Amino acid sequence: MLYNLNGNLINIMEVVAVECSPSRDASYPYLLTVKMKSGNSYGVKYTTEEGRRRELFSIRDEANRAFRNMFPPSVTRDELRSIVKQEIQKSRTEIRTLKNLIEEVLHRGSEQEN
Protein backbone atom coordinates (compact mmCIF):
# COMPACT_ATOMS: atom_id res chain seq x y z
CA MET A 1 0.00 0.00 0.00
CA LEU A 2 1.58 3.24 -1.13
CA TYR A 3 1.58 6.42 0.93
CA ASN A 4 2.39 9.87 -0.41
CA LEU A 5 4.93 11.49 1.90
CA ASN A 6 5.67 14.95 0.55
CA GLY A 7 5.78 13.70 -3.06
CA ASN A 8 7.58 10.44 -2.27
CA LEU A 9 5.47 7.30 -2.63
CA ILE A 10 6.51 4.89 0.09
CA ASN A 11 5.27 1.37 0.76
CA ILE A 12 3.63 1.71 4.15
CA MET A 13 4.34 -1.96 4.95
CA GLU A 14 8.09 -1.31 4.58
CA VAL A 15 8.19 1.40 7.28
CA VAL A 16 10.24 0.40 10.32
CA ALA A 17 10.24 3.63 12.31
CA VAL A 18 8.85 7.14 12.34
CA GLU A 19 10.79 9.74 14.32
CA CYS A 20 9.87 13.23 15.40
CA SER A 21 12.80 15.52 16.13
CA PRO A 22 13.74 19.19 16.02
CA SER A 23 15.05 20.56 12.73
CA ARG A 24 18.07 22.85 12.35
CA ASP A 25 16.06 25.02 9.93
CA ALA A 26 14.50 27.91 11.88
CA SER A 27 11.69 28.39 9.33
CA TYR A 28 10.76 24.68 9.52
CA PRO A 29 11.60 23.67 13.09
CA TYR A 30 9.70 20.35 13.18
CA LEU A 31 11.18 17.30 11.43
CA LEU A 32 9.44 13.99 10.73
CA THR A 33 11.68 11.15 9.53
CA VAL A 34 10.34 7.87 8.14
CA LYS A 35 12.83 4.99 8.10
CA MET A 36 12.35 2.06 5.71
CA LYS A 37 13.42 -1.61 5.83
CA SER A 38 15.75 -0.93 2.91
CA GLY A 39 17.73 1.53 5.01
CA ASN A 40 16.40 4.57 3.16
CA SER A 41 14.87 7.36 5.19
CA TYR A 42 12.62 10.21 4.16
CA GLY A 43 12.45 13.45 6.10
CA VAL A 44 9.86 16.19 5.94
CA LYS A 45 10.09 19.52 7.74
CA TYR A 46 7.03 21.32 9.09
CA THR A 47 6.39 24.87 10.28
CA THR A 48 4.06 23.74 13.07
CA GLU A 49 3.98 20.89 15.55
CA GLU A 50 0.32 20.31 14.62
CA GLY A 51 1.21 19.74 10.94
CA ARG A 52 3.83 17.18 11.87
CA ARG A 53 1.45 15.48 14.31
CA ARG A 54 -1.29 15.23 11.63
CA GLU A 55 1.17 13.56 9.24
CA LEU A 56 2.37 11.20 11.98
CA PHE A 57 -1.21 10.15 12.79
CA SER A 58 -1.99 9.78 9.09
CA ILE A 59 0.97 7.42 8.64
CA ARG A 60 -0.06 5.47 11.74
CA ASP A 61 -3.68 5.16 10.54
CA GLU A 62 -2.59 4.04 7.06
CA ALA A 63 -0.25 1.42 8.53
CA ASN A 64 -3.04 0.13 10.79
CA ARG A 65 -5.45 -0.03 7.83
CA ALA A 66 -2.91 -1.96 5.73
CA PHE A 67 -2.25 -4.38 8.59
CA ARG A 68 -5.97 -5.00 9.16
CA ASN A 69 -6.44 -5.68 5.44
CA MET A 70 -3.69 -8.31 5.50
CA PHE A 71 -5.35 -10.48 8.14
CA PRO A 72 -8.98 -11.51 8.48
CA PRO A 73 -10.66 -10.57 11.73
CA SER A 74 -10.41 -13.19 14.45
CA VAL A 75 -13.42 -15.28 15.39
CA THR A 76 -14.63 -15.33 18.99
CA ARG A 77 -15.46 -18.57 20.80
CA ASP A 78 -19.19 -17.80 20.65
CA GLU A 79 -19.03 -17.09 16.91
CA LEU A 80 -17.18 -20.37 16.38
CA ARG A 81 -19.79 -22.29 18.39
CA SER A 82 -22.55 -20.69 16.32
CA ILE A 83 -20.81 -21.60 13.05
CA VAL A 84 -20.28 -25.21 14.16
CA LYS A 85 -23.92 -25.45 15.32
CA GLN A 86 -25.14 -24.21 11.92
CA GLU A 87 -22.95 -26.71 10.08
CA ILE A 88 -24.19 -29.57 12.29
CA GLN A 89 -27.79 -28.54 11.58
CA LYS A 90 -27.09 -28.51 7.82
CA SER A 91 -25.54 -31.97 8.07
CA ARG A 92 -28.53 -33.30 10.02
CA THR A 93 -30.89 -31.94 7.36
CA GLU A 94 -28.85 -33.56 4.58
CA ILE A 95 -28.72 -36.86 6.48
CA ARG A 96 -32.52 -36.78 6.94
CA THR A 97 -32.95 -36.15 3.22
CA LEU A 98 -30.63 -39.05 2.34
CA LYS A 99 -32.42 -41.31 4.82
CA ASN A 100 -35.79 -40.47 3.23
CA LEU A 101 -34.42 -41.09 -0.27
CA ILE A 102 -32.96 -44.46 0.76
CA GLU A 103 -36.25 -45.49 2.40
CA GLU A 104 -38.14 -44.44 -0.73
CA VAL A 105 -35.81 -46.46 -2.98
CA LEU A 106 -36.07 -49.48 -0.69
CA HIS A 107 -39.86 -49.13 -0.56
CA ARG A 108 -40.08 -48.99 -4.40
CA GLY A 109 -37.80 -52.01 -4.64
CA SER A 110 -39.99 -54.04 -2.27
CA GLU A 111 -43.14 -53.04 -4.25
CA GLN A 112 -41.57 -54.17 -7.53
CA GLU A 113 -40.66 -57.55 -6.06
CA ASN A 114 -44.27 -58.20 -5.10
C-alpha atoms as a PDB file:
ATOM      1  CA  MET A   1       0.000   0.000   0.000  1.00  0.00           C
ATOM      2  CA  LEU A   2       1.582   3.238  -1.126  1.00  0.00           C
ATOM      3  CA  TYR A   3       1.579   6.423   0.932  1.00  0.00           C
ATOM      4  CA  ASN A   4       2.389   9.872  -0.411  1.00  0.00           C
ATOM      5  CA  LEU A   5       4.930  11.493   1.902  1.00  0.00           C
ATOM      6  CA  ASN A   6       5.669  14.951   0.547  1.00  0.00           C
ATOM      7  CA  GLY A   7       5.781  13.704  -3.059  1.00  0.00           C
ATOM      8  CA  ASN A   8       7.577  10.443  -2.266  1.00  0.00           C
ATOM      9  CA  LEU A   9       5.469   7.303  -2.630  1.00  0.00           C
ATOM     10  CA  ILE A  10       6.509   4.886   0.089  1.00  0.00           C
ATOM     11  CA  ASN A  11       5.270   1.370   0.760  1.00  0.00           C
ATOM     12  CA  ILE A  12       3.628   1.713   4.152  1.00  0.00           C
ATOM     13  CA  MET A  13       4.345  -1.960   4.949  1.00  0.00           C
ATOM     14  CA  GLU A  14       8.093  -1.309   4.584  1.00  0.00           C
ATOM     15  CA  VAL A  15       8.191   1.405   7.279  1.00  0.00           C
ATOM     16  CA  VAL A  16      10.243   0.400  10.320  1.00  0.00           C
ATOM     17  CA  ALA A  17      10.236   3.627  12.306  1.00  0.00           C
ATOM     18  CA  VAL A  18       8.854   7.140  12.344  1.00  0.00           C
ATOM     19  CA  GLU A  19      10.786   9.736  14.318  1.00  0.00           C
ATOM     20  CA  CYS A  20       9.869  13.235  15.405  1.00  0.00           C
ATOM     21  CA  SER A  21      12.804  15.522  16.130  1.00  0.00           C
ATOM     22  CA  PRO A  22      13.743  19.186  16.016  1.00  0.00           C
ATOM     23  CA  SER A  23      15.051  20.560  12.734  1.00  0.00           C
ATOM     24  CA  ARG A  24      18.067  22.851  12.345  1.00  0.00           C
ATOM     25  CA  ASP A  25      16.064  25.015   9.927  1.00  0.00           C
ATOM     26  CA  ALA A  26      14.502  27.912  11.878  1.00  0.00           C
ATOM     27  CA  SER A  27      11.693  28.387   9.327  1.00  0.00           C
ATOM     28  CA  TYR A  28      10.758  24.679   9.515  1.00  0.00           C
ATOM     29  CA  PRO A  29      11.600  23.666  13.092  1.00  0.00           C
ATOM     30  CA  TYR A  30       9.704  20.345  13.177  1.00  0.00           C
ATOM     31  CA  LEU A  31      11.181  17.298  11.434  1.00  0.00           C
ATOM     32  CA  LEU A  32       9.441  13.994  10.729  1.00  0.00           C
ATOM     33  CA  THR A  33      11.683  11.154   9.530  1.00  0.00           C
ATOM     34  CA  VAL A  34      10.338   7.871   8.139  1.00  0.00           C
ATOM     35  CA  LYS A  35      12.833   4.985   8.099  1.00  0.00           C
ATOM     36  CA  MET A  36      12.345   2.063   5.715  1.00  0.00           C
ATOM     37  CA  LYS A  37      13.417  -1.606   5.831  1.00  0.00           C
ATOM     38  CA  SER A  38      15.745  -0.929   2.913  1.00  0.00           C
ATOM     39  CA  GLY A  39      17.728   1.534   5.011  1.00  0.00           C
ATOM     40  CA  ASN A  40      16.395   4.575   3.161  1.00  0.00           C
ATOM     41  CA  SER A  41      14.868   7.357   5.187  1.00  0.00           C
ATOM     42  CA  TYR A  42      12.617  10.213   4.164  1.00  0.00           C
ATOM     43  CA  GLY A  43      12.446  13.454   6.102  1.00  0.00           C
ATOM     44  CA  VAL A  44       9.857  16.186   5.936  1.00  0.00           C
ATOM     45  CA  LYS A  45      10.091  19.518   7.743  1.00  0.00           C
ATOM     46  CA  TYR A  46       7.032  21.316   9.093  1.00  0.00           C
ATOM     47  CA  THR A  47       6.390  24.866  10.276  1.00  0.00           C
ATOM     48  CA  THR A  48       4.062  23.737  13.075  1.00  0.00           C
ATOM     49  CA  GLU A  49       3.982  20.887  15.555  1.00  0.00           C
ATOM     50  CA  GLU A  50       0.323  20.313  14.616  1.00  0.00           C
ATOM     51  CA  GLY A  51       1.206  19.743  10.935  1.00  0.00           C
ATOM     52  CA  ARG A  52       3.833  17.181  11.875  1.00  0.00           C
ATOM     53  CA  ARG A  53       1.447  15.476  14.307  1.00  0.00           C
ATOM     54  CA  ARG A  54      -1.286  15.228  11.627  1.00  0.00           C
ATOM     55  CA  GLU A  55       1.173  13.561   9.244  1.00  0.00           C
ATOM     56  CA  LEU A  56       2.368  11.198  11.977  1.00  0.00           C
ATOM     57  CA  PHE A  57      -1.209  10.146  12.786  1.00  0.00           C
ATOM     58  CA  SER A  58      -1.991   9.781   9.094  1.00  0.00           C
ATOM     59  CA  ILE A  59       0.975   7.418   8.641  1.00  0.00           C
ATOM     60  CA  ARG A  60      -0.063   5.467  11.738  1.00  0.00           C
ATOM     61  CA  ASP A  61      -3.676   5.157  10.539  1.00  0.00           C
ATOM     62  CA  GLU A  62      -2.590   4.044   7.059  1.00  0.00           C
ATOM     63  CA  ALA A  63      -0.254   1.418   8.529  1.00  0.00           C
ATOM     64  CA  ASN A  64      -3.038   0.129  10.791  1.00  0.00           C
ATOM     65  CA  ARG A  65      -5.448  -0.034   7.833  1.00  0.00           C
ATOM     66  CA  ALA A  66      -2.915  -1.956   5.728  1.00  0.00           C
ATOM     67  CA  PHE A  67      -2.249  -4.382   8.590  1.00  0.00           C
ATOM     68  CA  ARG A  68      -5.973  -5.004   9.164  1.00  0.00           C
ATOM     69  CA  ASN A  69      -6.441  -5.676   5.435  1.00  0.00           C
ATOM     70  CA  MET A  70      -3.690  -8.310   5.504  1.00  0.00           C
ATOM     71  CA  PHE A  71      -5.349 -10.478   8.144  1.00  0.00           C
ATOM     72  CA  PRO A  72      -8.977 -11.514   8.476  1.00  0.00           C
ATOM     73  CA  PRO A  73     -10.661 -10.571  11.729  1.00  0.00           C
ATOM     74  CA  SER A  74     -10.408 -13.187  14.448  1.00  0.00           C
ATOM     75  CA  VAL A  75     -13.423 -15.276  15.395  1.00  0.00           C
ATOM     76  CA  THR A  76     -14.630 -15.334  18.986  1.00  0.00           C
ATOM     77  CA  ARG A  77     -15.459 -18.569  20.795  1.00  0.00           C
ATOM     78  CA  ASP A  78     -19.195 -17.797  20.648  1.00  0.00           C
ATOM     79  CA  GLU A  79     -19.028 -17.089  16.905  1.00  0.00           C
ATOM     80  CA  LEU A  80     -17.175 -20.368  16.380  1.00  0.00           C
ATOM     81  CA  ARG A  81     -19.791 -22.289  18.385  1.00  0.00           C
ATOM     82  CA  SER A  82     -22.548 -20.685  16.321  1.00  0.00           C
ATOM     83  CA  ILE A  83     -20.809 -21.603  13.049  1.00  0.00           C
ATOM     84  CA  VAL A  84     -20.284 -25.215  14.165  1.00  0.00           C
ATOM     85  CA  LYS A  85     -23.919 -25.451  15.318  1.00  0.00           C
ATOM     86  CA  GLN A  86     -25.142 -24.210  11.916  1.00  0.00           C
ATOM     87  CA  GLU A  87     -22.952 -26.713  10.078  1.00  0.00           C
ATOM     88  CA  ILE A  88     -24.192 -29.570  12.290  1.00  0.00           C
ATOM     89  CA  GLN A  89     -27.793 -28.542  11.576  1.00  0.00           C
ATOM     90  CA  LYS A  90     -27.085 -28.508   7.818  1.00  0.00           C
ATOM     91  CA  SER A  91     -25.540 -31.970   8.070  1.00  0.00           C
ATOM     92  CA  ARG A  92     -28.527 -33.301  10.015  1.00  0.00           C
ATOM     93  CA  THR A  93     -30.886 -31.941   7.357  1.00  0.00           C
ATOM     94  CA  GLU A  94     -28.851 -33.557   4.583  1.00  0.00           C
ATOM     95  CA  ILE A  95     -28.722 -36.865   6.481  1.00  0.00           C
ATOM     96  CA  ARG A  96     -32.520 -36.784   6.937  1.00  0.00           C
ATOM     97  CA  THR A  97     -32.949 -36.150   3.219  1.00  0.00           C
ATOM     98  CA  LEU A  98     -30.628 -39.045   2.340  1.00  0.00           C
ATOM     99  CA  LYS A  99     -32.424 -41.310   4.818  1.00  0.00           C
ATOM    100  CA  ASN A 100     -35.789 -40.471   3.233  1.00  0.00           C
ATOM    101  CA  LEU A 101     -34.420 -41.092  -0.273  1.00  0.00           C
ATOM    102  CA  ILE A 102     -32.962 -44.462   0.760  1.00  0.00           C
ATOM    103  CA  GLU A 103     -36.253 -45.486   2.404  1.00  0.00           C
ATOM    104  CA  GLU A 104     -38.139 -44.442  -0.727  1.00  0.00           C
ATOM    105  CA  VAL A 105     -35.815 -46.461  -2.982  1.00  0.00           C
ATOM    106  CA  LEU A 106     -36.066 -49.483  -0.685  1.00  0.00           C
ATOM    107  CA  HIS A 107     -39.862 -49.129  -0.564  1.00  0.00           C
ATOM    108  CA  ARG A 108     -40.078 -48.993  -4.397  1.00  0.00           C
ATOM    109  CA  GLY A 109     -37.805 -52.014  -4.641  1.00  0.00           C
ATOM    110  CA  SER A 110     -39.992 -54.036  -2.273  1.00  0.00           C
ATOM    111  CA  GLU A 111     -43.141 -53.040  -4.251  1.00  0.00           C
ATOM    112  CA  GLN A 112     -41.566 -54.166  -7.532  1.00  0.00           C
ATOM    113  CA  GLU A 113     -40.657 -57.555  -6.056  1.00  0.00           C
ATOM    114  CA  ASN A 114     -44.273 -58.197  -5.099  1.00  0.00           C
END
